[in-house]
Amino acid sequence: MDLFNWISLGIAPISSVITWFAARRMRNNSTLQSLQNTIDMLIDKNTELYNKIVEQAAEMSEMKVELIALRKQIKPTTKKPKKQ
């Protein structure tokens, strides 16, 4: 066997190892991209839910103010029953 044959025999395993490393890196990048997309989706959903909670908290505080005003209106007109 001459030098050319030895080189041709060595190129095949070396090129397959290089291909394996490149494919591995692409798989890792694809996985990272998928995870990033999932995180972005969760952040959007979390922001949407947070905004709904803030809106409902504001509505609740308005309702509490209205409830206090209604209690003040009702209080003078109602009489407490006498204890026997």
C-alpha atoms as a PDB file:
ATOM      1  CA  MET A   1       0.000   0.000   0.000  1.00  0.00           C
ATOM      2  CA  ASP A   2       1.305   3.358  -0.889  1.00  0.00           C
ATOM      3  CA  LEU A   3       0.816   6.702   0.845  1.00  0.00           C
ATOM      4  CA  PHE A   4      -2.253   7.627  -1.226  1.00  0.00           C
ATOM      5  CA  ASN A   5      -4.150   4.537  -0.073  1.00  0.00           C
ATOM      6  CA  TRP A   6      -3.303   5.218   3.575  1.00  0.00           C
ATOM      7  CA  ILE A   7      -4.493   8.823   3.245  1.00  0.00           C
ATOM      8  CA  SER A   8      -7.732   7.767   1.543  1.00  0.00           C
ATOM      9  CA  LEU A   9      -8.382   5.213   4.319  1.00  0.00           C
ATOM     10  CA  GLY A  10      -7.801   7.895   6.980  1.00  0.00           C
ATOM     11  CA  ILE A  11      -9.995  10.544   5.373  1.00  0.00           C
ATOM     12  CA  ALA A  12     -13.234   8.563   5.680  1.00  0.00           C
ATOM     13  CA  PRO A  13     -13.206   8.177   9.493  1.00  0.00           C
ATOM     14  CA  ILE A  14     -11.973  11.731   9.988  1.00  0.00           C
ATOM     15  CA  SER A  15     -14.695  13.176   7.764  1.00  0.00           C
ATOM     16  CA  SER A  16     -17.364  11.115   9.524  1.00  0.00           C
ATOM     17  CA  VAL A  17     -16.182  12.387  12.929  1.00  0.00           C
ATOM     18  CA  ILE A  18     -16.281  15.970  11.644  1.00  0.00           C
ATOM     19  CA  THR A  19     -19.776  15.403  10.240  1.00  0.00           C
ATOM     20  CA  TRP A  20     -20.916  13.918  13.552  1.00  0.00           C
ATOM     21  CA  PHE A  21     -19.618  16.970  15.478  1.00  0.00           C
ATOM     22  CA  ALA A  22     -21.316  19.369  13.043  1.00  0.00           C
ATOM     23  CA  ALA A  23     -24.640  17.496  13.267  1.00  0.00           C
ATOM     24  CA  ARG A  24     -24.374  17.394  17.056  1.00  0.00           C
ATOM     25  CA  ARG A  25     -23.859  21.130  17.184  1.00  0.00           C
ATOM     26  CA  MET A  26     -26.853  21.679  14.894  1.00  0.00           C
ATOM     27  CA  ARG A  27     -29.022  19.460  17.126  1.00  0.00           C
ATOM     28  CA  ASN A  28     -27.915  21.411  20.206  1.00  0.00           C
ATOM     29  CA  ASN A  29     -28.664  24.711  18.471  1.00  0.00           C
ATOM     30  CA  SER A  30     -32.060  23.406  17.396  1.00  0.00           C
ATOM     31  CA  THR A  31     -32.816  22.335  20.971  1.00  0.00           C
ATOM     32  CA  LEU A  32     -31.742  25.708  22.323  1.00  0.00           C
ATOM     33  CA  GLN A  33     -33.897  27.499  19.755  1.00  0.00           C
ATOM     34  CA  SER A  34     -36.870  25.339  20.712  1.00  0.00           C
ATOM     35  CA  LEU A  35     -36.325  26.090  24.404  1.00  0.00           C
ATOM     36  CA  GLN A  36     -36.035  29.813  23.676  1.00  0.00           C
ATOM     37  CA  ASN A  37     -39.303  29.736  21.715  1.00  0.00           C
ATOM     38  CA  THR A  38     -41.007  27.976  24.618  1.00  0.00           C
ATOM     39  CA  ILE A  39     -39.667  30.547  27.084  1.00  0.00           C
ATOM     40  CA  ASP A  40     -40.866  33.405  24.869  1.00  0.00           C
ATOM     41  CA  MET A  41     -44.333  31.850  24.627  1.00  0.00           C
ATOM     42  CA  LEU A  42     -44.486  31.404  28.415  1.00  0.00           C
ATOM     43  CA  ILE A  43     -43.407  35.009  28.987  1.00  0.00           C
ATOM     44  CA  ASP A  44     -46.155  36.259  26.653  1.00  0.00           C
ATOM     45  CA  LYS A  45     -48.763  34.102  28.403  1.00  0.00           C
ATOM     46  CA  ASN A  46     -47.529  35.215  31.830  1.00  0.00           C
ATOM     47  CA  THR A  47     -47.698  38.885  30.809  1.00  0.00           C
ATOM     48  CA  GLU A  48     -51.242  38.407  29.531  1.00  0.00           C
ATOM     49  CA  LEU A  49     -52.344  36.737  32.769  1.00  0.00           C
ATOM     50  CA  TYR A  50     -50.610  39.398  34.872  1.00  0.00           C
ATOM     51  CA  ASN A  51     -52.448  42.163  32.998  1.00  0.00           C
ATOM     52  CA  LYS A  52     -55.779  40.407  33.620  1.00  0.00           C
ATOM     53  CA  ILE A  53     -54.980  40.125  37.327  1.00  0.00           C
ATOM     54  CA  VAL A  54     -54.126  43.829  37.514  1.00  0.00           C
ATOM     55  CA  GLU A  55     -57.406  44.720  35.787  1.00  0.00           C
ATOM     56  CA  GLN A  56     -59.402  42.527  38.150  1.00  0.00           C
ATOM     57  CA  ALA A  57     -57.638  43.990  41.176  1.00  0.00           C
ATOM     58  CA  ALA A  58     -58.579  47.494  40.007  1.00  0.00           C
ATOM     59  CA  GLU A  59     -62.199  46.388  39.519  1.00  0.00           C
ATOM     60  CA  MET A  60     -62.206  44.839  42.981  1.00  0.00           C
ATOM     61  CA  SER A  61     -60.964  48.006  44.630  1.00  0.00           C
ATOM     62  CA  GLU A  62     -63.679  50.010  42.819  1.00  0.00           C
ATOM     63  CA  MET A  63     -66.291  47.530  44.030  1.00  0.00           C
ATOM     64  CA  LYS A  64     -65.020  47.810  47.591  1.00  0.00           C
ATOM     65  CA  VAL A  65     -65.423  51.587  47.457  1.00  0.00           C
ATOM     66  CA  GLU A  66     -68.959  51.168  46.123  1.00  0.00           C
ATOM     67  CA  LEU A  67     -69.745  48.603  48.818  1.00  0.00           C
ATOM     68  CA  ILE A  68     -68.548  50.939  51.554  1.00  0.00           C
ATOM     69  CA  ALA A  69     -70.697  53.745  50.128  1.00  0.00           C
ATOM     70  CA  LEU A  70     -73.758  51.450  49.987  1.00  0.00           C
ATOM     71  CA  ARG A  71     -73.201  50.314  53.585  1.00  0.00           C
ATOM     72  CA  LYS A  72     -73.069  53.926  54.694  1.00  0.00           C
ATOM     73  CA  GLN A  73     -76.353  54.591  52.905  1.00  0.00           C
ATOM     74  CA  ILE A  74     -78.050  51.545  54.406  1.00  0.00           C
ATOM     75  CA  LYS A  75     -76.736  51.976  57.941  1.00  0.00           C
ATOM     76  CA  PRO A  76     -78.800  55.028  58.983  1.00  0.00           C
ATOM     77  CA  THR A  77     -82.035  53.635  57.558  1.00  0.00           C
ATOM     78  CA  THR A  78     -81.933  50.222  59.192  1.00  0.00           C
ATOM     79  CA  LYS A  79     -82.860  49.704  62.807  1.00  0.00           C
ATOM     80  CA  LYS A  80     -81.338  47.045  64.946  1.00  0.00           C
ATOM     81  CA  PRO A  81     -83.835  44.641  66.468  1.00  0.00           C
ATOM     82  CA  LYS A  82     -84.281  44.974  70.201  1.00  0.00           C
ATOM     83  CA  LYS A  83     -82.826  42.267  72.339  1.00  0.00           C
ATOM     84  CA  GLN A  84     -85.303  40.451  74.528  1.00  0.00           C
END
